[in-house]
Amino acid sequence: MTPIPFIEFSLYEMFHMFIFWSFIGWGIEVCWMTLETGEYQNRGFLNMPICPIYGFGVIMVTVFFRPVSDTIIPLFLATSLLCTAFELFVGLGMEKLFHARWWDYSHEKFNFKGYICLKISILWGVGCVTVVRFVQPMVELAIDKMPVKMGFAFIMLWSVLLVIDIVASLSAVRKLNLRLKQLDEISKVMLLSAEKIGGTLSQKTLESKEIYDSAVEKADAKTHELKEKIAEKTDATTQSFREKYEQLKSTKDGESRFAEIKAKYGKIVDAADFKISEWREKYDRLMDSRDRSVERLIKAFPQLRSTSYADTMESLKRRLKVISAKVKIESSFRNNSEETVNIAIERNADEAEIAVAETIETK
């Protein structure tokens, strides 16, 4: 194949290099996360077993730094800077494009706004030196020895799969953002409704209290006057005044006034409560709905944060963890194995208490 000027590789060779190193990068990510979480996670933005950032990274390093490939220190410094800059560019670009933060190094020392950090930059440099000096020459040799027809068939197959996977992954991101938007809107509606109803009830309660206090003052004055008259009247007239006193007493207690208020506003409150319960049911359905593509993205990027709906995203991630733990524990219960139940609980310790309670409740 004819190499591209100044690049020294043909598009044919670069495509094969891209797929190979994207797969190797995906494998490294899977092994890394397995050590951290104790379970398999399909890492990467795409569904297929590739992480494109690694493929692009190796191609850039191989093309740009071929002149210093025989020197370790200059190669290490140059590749560290290039890969770090590339990671920063990709992180900022994906956040702008998808309104989400896909990784976060804020917990690491010497980080820049969570996008890059010194530790990862050093790992990039060490990895690139190893790749350029020892592995890449063997990859280039293997590509050269591959039959051309097989190579082109491979390119055609992977091109189709990549297009399908990119469309599916973008659709998953769109569904996730739409779901977050719906959850956030429902939360705001419920909050505003509660504030509106609460404010109305509070205002009417204060108005009723003023009326009640005024009635009490009038009733107390009248009662005091009646008591003075009762002391001067005969037993026959006392009974008449006692009846009036009881009538005034009922006004003092405010029973009739509050009954009127309750009748007036009771229907409004009941209707509002019913509407809020409908929103709550819709909110819960969205929280508990299962979508494998969305769940895979969240599992693949544990530190994924939405820049538009941060609180809602965290609530959704916690709920999906509980649902996942519940499914695993229920499966363990069906297997009737105490050991498997304990393993499921240990691996989902943060969510196990809620999940076990919900599982037992359904039994």
Protein backbone atom coordinates (compact mmCIF):
# COMPACT_ATOMS: atom_id res chain seq x y z
CA MET A 1 0.00 0.00 0.00
CA THR A 2 1.21 3.51 -0.82
CA PRO A 3 2.19 5.41 2.34
CA ILE A 4 0.78 8.89 2.90
CA PRO A 5 3.54 11.55 2.55
CA PHE A 6 5.13 12.64 5.86
CA ILE A 7 3.15 9.93 7.71
CA GLU A 8 4.87 6.84 6.32
CA PHE A 9 1.74 4.71 6.76
CA SER A 10 -1.12 3.98 4.38
CA LEU A 11 -4.76 4.29 5.42
CA TYR A 12 -4.93 0.50 5.17
CA GLU A 13 -2.15 0.11 7.77
CA MET A 14 -3.48 2.83 10.06
CA PHE A 15 -6.95 1.28 10.16
CA HIS A 16 -5.53 -2.08 11.25
CA MET A 17 -3.32 -0.34 13.81
CA PHE A 18 -6.33 1.58 15.10
CA ILE A 19 -8.46 -1.56 15.60
CA PHE A 20 -5.63 -3.53 17.20
CA TRP A 21 -4.65 -0.89 19.73
CA SER A 22 -8.28 0.03 20.47
CA PHE A 23 -8.85 -3.61 21.39
CA ILE A 24 -5.68 -3.78 23.52
CA GLY A 25 -6.70 -0.57 25.29
CA TRP A 26 -10.17 -2.01 25.97
CA GLY A 27 -8.57 -5.13 27.46
CA ILE A 28 -6.35 -3.03 29.72
CA GLU A 29 -9.36 -1.02 30.91
CA VAL A 30 -11.35 -4.21 31.63
CA CYS A 31 -8.50 -5.72 33.66
CA TRP A 32 -7.98 -2.45 35.56
CA MET A 33 -11.64 -2.10 36.49
CA THR A 34 -11.93 -5.78 37.41
CA LEU A 35 -9.15 -5.29 39.96
CA GLU A 36 -10.93 -2.21 41.33
CA THR A 37 -14.53 -3.50 41.40
CA GLY A 38 -14.15 -7.28 41.50
CA GLU A 39 -16.39 -7.83 38.48
CA TYR A 40 -16.41 -7.49 34.69
CA GLN A 41 -17.40 -4.18 33.14
CA ASN A 42 -17.57 -3.48 29.41
CA ARG A 43 -15.40 -0.39 29.35
CA GLY A 44 -15.46 2.29 26.68
CA PHE A 45 -18.01 4.46 24.96
CA LEU A 46 -18.82 1.82 22.33
CA ASN A 47 -20.46 -1.55 22.86
CA MET A 48 -17.81 -3.48 20.93
CA PRO A 49 -14.58 -4.51 22.71
CA ILE A 50 -12.62 -1.43 21.65
CA CYS A 51 -11.63 1.91 23.18
CA PRO A 52 -10.97 4.25 20.21
CA ILE A 53 -8.95 6.72 22.29
CA TYR A 54 -6.17 4.15 22.56
CA GLY A 55 -6.17 3.47 18.82
CA PHE A 56 -5.97 7.16 17.94
CA GLY A 57 -3.35 7.72 20.64
CA VAL A 58 -0.95 5.06 19.39
CA ILE A 59 -1.29 6.25 15.77
CA MET A 60 -0.47 9.83 16.78
CA VAL A 61 2.49 8.75 18.89
CA THR A 62 3.85 6.46 16.16
CA VAL A 63 3.47 9.07 13.42
CA PHE A 64 4.63 12.19 15.27
CA PHE A 65 7.49 10.76 17.31
CA ARG A 66 9.15 8.34 14.92
CA PRO A 67 12.26 10.61 14.80
CA VAL A 68 12.83 10.17 18.57
CA SER A 69 11.70 6.54 18.80
CA ASP A 70 15.28 5.38 19.49
CA THR A 71 15.70 7.60 22.56
CA ILE A 72 13.84 6.72 25.75
CA ILE A 73 13.78 9.99 27.75
CA PRO A 74 12.77 12.36 24.89
CA LEU A 75 10.22 9.78 23.72
CA PHE A 76 8.81 9.46 27.24
CA LEU A 77 8.48 13.24 27.73
CA ALA A 78 7.04 13.89 24.29
CA THR A 79 4.47 11.08 24.40
CA SER A 80 3.41 11.98 27.95
CA LEU A 81 2.67 15.54 26.85
CA LEU A 82 0.89 14.52 23.65
CA CYS A 83 -1.32 11.86 25.28
CA THR A 84 -2.16 14.15 28.19
CA ALA A 85 -3.14 16.95 25.80
CA PHE A 86 -5.19 14.49 23.74
CA GLU A 87 -6.97 13.17 26.86
CA LEU A 88 -7.78 16.75 27.91
CA PHE A 89 -9.09 17.57 24.44
CA VAL A 90 -11.28 14.44 24.32
CA GLY A 91 -12.60 15.01 27.84
CA LEU A 92 -13.57 18.62 27.12
CA GLY A 93 -15.02 17.71 23.74
CA MET A 94 -17.19 14.87 25.05
CA GLU A 95 -18.44 17.06 27.89
CA LYS A 96 -19.45 19.81 25.48
CA LEU A 97 -21.01 17.36 23.05
CA PHE A 98 -22.89 15.10 25.49
CA HIS A 99 -23.26 17.43 28.53
CA ALA A 100 -21.58 14.84 30.75
CA ARG A 101 -18.23 14.28 32.47
CA TRP A 102 -17.08 10.77 31.50
CA TRP A 103 -14.07 10.43 33.85
CA ASP A 104 -12.82 12.41 36.80
CA TYR A 105 -9.33 12.51 38.31
CA SER A 106 -10.28 15.03 41.00
CA HIS A 107 -9.39 12.51 43.71
CA GLU A 108 -5.84 12.20 42.34
CA LYS A 109 -2.97 14.54 43.26
CA PHE A 110 -1.74 17.10 40.73
CA ASN A 111 -4.85 16.99 38.56
CA PHE A 112 -6.22 19.69 36.28
CA LYS A 113 -9.97 20.11 36.84
CA GLY A 114 -10.34 16.35 36.95
CA TYR A 115 -9.62 15.86 33.24
CA ILE A 116 -5.93 14.93 33.51
CA CYS A 117 -3.48 14.17 36.30
CA LEU A 118 0.26 13.54 36.76
CA LYS A 119 -0.15 9.85 37.64
CA ILE A 120 -2.01 9.02 34.42
CA SER A 121 0.37 11.17 32.37
CA ILE A 122 3.33 9.13 33.64
CA LEU A 123 1.48 5.92 32.81
CA TRP A 124 0.83 7.27 29.31
CA GLY A 125 4.55 7.93 28.85
CA VAL A 126 5.64 4.51 30.11
CA GLY A 127 3.02 2.78 27.98
CA CYS A 128 3.95 4.71 24.84
CA VAL A 129 7.67 3.98 25.23
CA THR A 130 6.86 0.27 25.60
CA VAL A 131 4.54 0.34 22.59
CA VAL A 132 6.81 2.31 20.24
CA ARG A 133 10.06 0.55 21.14
CA PHE A 134 8.92 -3.05 21.50
CA VAL A 135 5.36 -3.83 20.37
CA GLN A 136 4.56 -1.55 17.42
CA PRO A 137 7.33 -2.99 15.16
CA MET A 138 5.77 -6.46 15.57
CA VAL A 139 2.29 -5.08 14.82
CA GLU A 140 3.55 -3.43 11.62
CA LEU A 141 5.21 -6.69 10.58
CA ALA A 142 2.01 -8.67 11.20
CA ILE A 143 -0.02 -6.21 9.10
CA ASP A 144 2.48 -6.47 6.23
CA LYS A 145 2.27 -10.28 6.27
CA MET A 146 -1.55 -10.34 6.30
CA PRO A 147 -3.11 -11.30 2.92
CA VAL A 148 -4.42 -8.16 1.26
CA LYS A 149 -7.85 -9.63 0.48
CA MET A 150 -8.26 -10.72 4.09
CA GLY A 151 -7.15 -7.29 5.23
CA PHE A 152 -9.72 -5.48 3.09
CA ALA A 153 -12.48 -7.89 4.16
CA PHE A 154 -11.51 -7.18 7.75
CA ILE A 155 -11.70 -3.43 7.10
CA MET A 156 -15.15 -3.70 5.48
CA LEU A 157 -16.54 -5.79 8.34
CA TRP A 158 -15.19 -3.54 11.07
CA SER A 159 -16.31 -0.39 9.26
CA VAL A 160 -19.92 -1.61 9.18
CA LEU A 161 -19.79 -2.73 12.82
CA LEU A 162 -18.27 0.59 13.89
CA VAL A 163 -20.99 2.62 12.18
CA ILE A 164 -23.73 0.50 13.77
CA ASP A 165 -22.06 0.69 17.18
CA ILE A 166 -21.53 4.45 17.04
CA VAL A 167 -25.20 5.02 16.13
CA ALA A 168 -26.33 2.69 18.95
CA SER A 169 -24.02 4.34 21.50
CA LEU A 170 -25.12 7.86 20.52
CA SER A 171 -28.73 6.68 20.83
CA ALA A 172 -27.98 5.38 24.34
CA VAL A 173 -26.51 8.75 25.36
CA ARG A 174 -29.55 10.52 23.92
CA LYS A 175 -31.91 8.21 25.85
CA LEU A 176 -29.93 8.79 29.04
CA ASN A 177 -30.08 12.58 28.65
CA LEU A 178 -33.81 12.43 27.83
CA ARG A 179 -34.45 10.26 30.88
CA LEU A 180 -32.50 12.63 33.12
CA LYS A 181 -34.41 15.59 31.69
CA GLN A 182 -37.79 13.93 32.36
CA LEU A 183 -36.79 12.96 35.91
CA ASP A 184 -35.51 16.48 36.60
CA GLU A 185 -38.69 18.10 35.24
CA ILE A 186 -40.92 15.83 37.34
CA SER A 187 -38.86 16.62 40.45
CA LYS A 188 -39.21 20.35 39.83
CA VAL A 189 -42.97 20.08 39.22
CA MET A 190 -43.46 18.12 42.44
CA LEU A 191 -41.37 20.63 44.39
CA LEU A 192 -43.19 23.67 42.97
CA SER A 193 -46.58 22.02 43.58
CA ALA A 194 -45.69 21.26 47.17
CA GLU A 195 -44.49 24.84 47.71
CA LYS A 196 -47.63 26.29 46.12
CA ILE A 197 -50.03 24.09 48.07
CA GLY A 198 -48.05 24.54 51.27
CA GLY A 199 -47.94 28.31 50.82
CA THR A 200 -51.71 28.49 50.23
CA LEU A 201 -52.49 26.35 53.25
CA SER A 202 -50.07 28.35 55.37
CA GLN A 203 -51.69 31.64 54.32
CA LYS A 204 -55.22 30.35 54.91
CA THR A 205 -54.17 28.94 58.28
CA LEU A 206 -52.85 32.33 59.35
CA GLU A 207 -56.04 34.04 58.15
CA SER A 208 -58.13 31.49 60.03
CA LYS A 209 -56.02 31.98 63.13
CA GLU A 210 -56.64 35.74 63.01
CA ILE A 211 -60.39 35.16 62.70
CA TYR A 212 -60.23 32.58 65.46
CA ASP A 213 -58.25 34.89 67.79
CA SER A 214 -60.72 37.73 67.17
CA ALA A 215 -63.65 35.42 67.90
CA VAL A 216 -61.97 34.24 71.09
CA GLU A 217 -61.45 37.80 72.30
CA LYS A 218 -65.08 38.70 71.62
CA ALA A 219 -66.29 35.49 73.21
CA ASP A 220 -64.12 36.05 76.30
CA ALA A 221 -65.43 39.60 76.69
CA LYS A 222 -69.03 38.46 76.29
CA THR A 223 -68.47 35.53 78.63
CA HIS A 224 -67.01 37.79 81.28
CA GLU A 225 -70.00 40.09 80.94
CA LEU A 226 -72.38 37.15 81.20
CA LYS A 227 -70.61 35.82 84.27
CA GLU A 228 -71.10 39.16 86.01
CA LYS A 229 -74.78 39.17 85.10
CA ILE A 230 -75.16 35.52 86.12
CA ALA A 231 -73.90 36.38 89.59
CA GLU A 232 -76.71 38.95 89.95
CA LYS A 233 -79.59 36.99 88.44
CA THR A 234 -81.75 34.31 89.92
CA ASP A 235 -81.38 30.55 89.31
CA ALA A 236 -84.08 30.72 86.65
CA THR A 237 -82.30 33.33 84.57
CA THR A 238 -78.92 31.60 85.18
CA GLN A 239 -80.06 28.62 83.13
CA SER A 240 -80.87 30.90 80.19
CA PHE A 241 -77.51 32.59 80.36
CA ARG A 242 -75.78 29.17 80.62
CA GLU A 243 -77.29 28.16 77.28
CA LYS A 244 -75.98 31.35 75.68
CA TYR A 245 -72.58 30.67 77.24
CA GLU A 246 -72.38 27.20 75.71
CA GLN A 247 -73.28 28.69 72.33
CA LEU A 248 -70.52 31.26 72.65
CA LYS A 249 -68.12 28.58 73.83
CA SER A 250 -68.58 26.69 70.59
CA THR A 251 -67.67 29.88 68.75
CA LYS A 252 -64.60 30.22 70.97
CA ASP A 253 -63.34 26.77 70.06
CA GLY A 254 -63.52 27.78 66.40
CA GLU A 255 -65.14 24.50 65.38
CA SER A 256 -67.62 25.96 62.94
CA ARG A 257 -65.04 28.24 61.31
CA PHE A 258 -62.48 25.49 60.75
CA ALA A 259 -65.15 23.15 59.42
CA GLU A 260 -66.02 25.79 56.83
CA ILE A 261 -62.36 26.22 55.82
CA LYS A 262 -61.84 22.47 55.56
CA ALA A 263 -64.87 22.08 53.32
CA LYS A 264 -63.72 24.94 51.11
CA TYR A 265 -60.13 23.81 50.59
CA GLY A 266 -60.33 20.07 51.16
CA LYS A 267 -61.17 19.25 47.56
CA ILE A 268 -58.28 21.38 46.27
CA VAL A 269 -55.80 19.63 48.56
CA ASP A 270 -57.13 16.17 47.65
CA ALA A 271 -56.85 16.91 43.92
CA ALA A 272 -53.32 18.25 44.34
CA ASP A 273 -52.30 15.19 46.38
CA PHE A 274 -53.67 12.93 43.64
CA LYS A 275 -51.74 14.82 40.95
CA ILE A 276 -48.51 14.66 42.96
CA SER A 277 -49.01 10.91 43.46
CA GLU A 278 -49.33 10.54 39.67
CA TRP A 279 -46.07 12.41 39.16
CA ARG A 280 -44.40 10.32 41.85
CA GLU A 281 -45.51 7.11 40.12
CA LYS A 282 -44.15 8.37 36.79
CA TYR A 283 -40.89 9.39 38.49
CA ASP A 284 -40.53 5.95 40.10
CA ARG A 285 -41.25 4.20 36.79
CA LEU A 286 -38.51 6.19 35.07
CA MET A 287 -36.10 5.46 37.92
CA ASP A 288 -36.79 1.72 37.90
CA SER A 289 -37.00 1.18 34.13
CA ARG A 290 -34.26 -1.07 32.72
CA ASP A 291 -32.32 -0.13 29.60
CA ARG A 292 -29.23 -2.23 28.97
CA SER A 293 -27.52 0.34 26.74
CA VAL A 294 -27.94 3.12 29.32
CA GLU A 295 -26.89 0.86 32.20
CA ARG A 296 -23.81 -0.27 30.26
CA LEU A 297 -22.68 3.33 29.79
CA ILE A 298 -23.12 4.09 33.49
CA LYS A 299 -21.23 0.93 34.49
CA ALA A 300 -18.49 1.57 31.92
CA PHE A 301 -17.92 5.07 33.33
CA PRO A 302 -18.46 4.89 37.12
CA GLN A 303 -17.51 8.56 37.49
CA LEU A 304 -19.93 9.71 34.78
CA ARG A 305 -21.54 13.01 35.82
CA SER A 306 -24.13 15.08 33.99
CA THR A 307 -23.30 18.77 33.71
CA SER A 308 -26.99 19.67 33.27
CA TYR A 309 -28.70 17.28 35.72
CA ALA A 310 -25.99 16.41 38.25
CA ASP A 311 -28.26 15.57 41.22
CA THR A 312 -30.69 13.58 39.09
CA MET A 313 -27.81 11.61 37.54
CA GLU A 314 -26.48 10.66 40.99
CA SER A 315 -29.96 9.58 42.12
CA LEU A 316 -30.36 7.45 38.98
CA LYS A 317 -26.93 5.85 39.43
CA ARG A 318 -27.71 4.97 43.07
CA ARG A 319 -31.08 3.50 42.09
CA LEU A 320 -29.59 1.42 39.28
CA LYS A 321 -26.98 0.07 41.70
CA VAL A 322 -29.73 -0.97 44.10
CA ILE A 323 -31.69 -2.63 41.30
CA SER A 324 -28.58 -4.46 40.09
CA ALA A 325 -27.76 -5.63 43.62
CA LYS A 326 -31.34 -6.76 44.12
CA VAL A 327 -31.28 -8.83 40.92
CA LYS A 328 -28.04 -10.51 41.96
CA ILE A 329 -29.29 -11.26 45.46
CA GLU A 330 -32.61 -12.58 44.18
CA SER A 331 -30.69 -14.87 41.85
CA SER A 332 -28.63 -16.06 44.79
CA PHE A 333 -31.79 -16.77 46.78
CA ARG A 334 -33.14 -18.85 43.91
CA ASN A 335 -29.93 -20.85 43.90
CA ASN A 336 -30.48 -21.53 47.62
CA SER A 337 -26.79 -21.06 48.27
CA GLU A 338 -25.78 -19.15 51.39
CA GLU A 339 -22.29 -18.69 50.00
CA THR A 340 -23.51 -17.07 46.77
CA VAL A 341 -25.86 -14.80 48.73
CA ASN A 342 -22.98 -13.64 50.93
CA ILE A 343 -20.77 -13.00 47.88
CA ALA A 344 -23.53 -10.97 46.22
CA ILE A 345 -23.98 -8.88 49.37
CA GLU A 346 -20.23 -8.32 49.80
CA ARG A 347 -19.81 -7.13 46.20
CA ASN A 348 -22.74 -4.73 46.55
CA ALA A 349 -22.16 -3.68 50.15
CA ASP A 350 -23.35 -0.08 49.72
CA GLU A 351 -26.66 -1.15 48.18
CA ALA A 352 -27.11 -4.55 49.84
CA GLU A 353 -29.11 -3.33 52.85
CA ILE A 354 -31.77 -1.70 50.66
CA ALA A 355 -31.73 -4.53 48.11
CA VAL A 356 -32.08 -7.28 50.72
CA ALA A 357 -34.96 -5.44 52.40
CA GLU A 358 -36.79 -5.08 49.07
CA THR A 359 -36.07 -8.72 48.16
CA ILE A 360 -37.37 -10.09 51.47
CA GLU A 361 -40.42 -7.82 51.24
CA THR A 362 -41.41 -9.42 47.93
CA LYS A 363 -41.02 -12.98 49.25
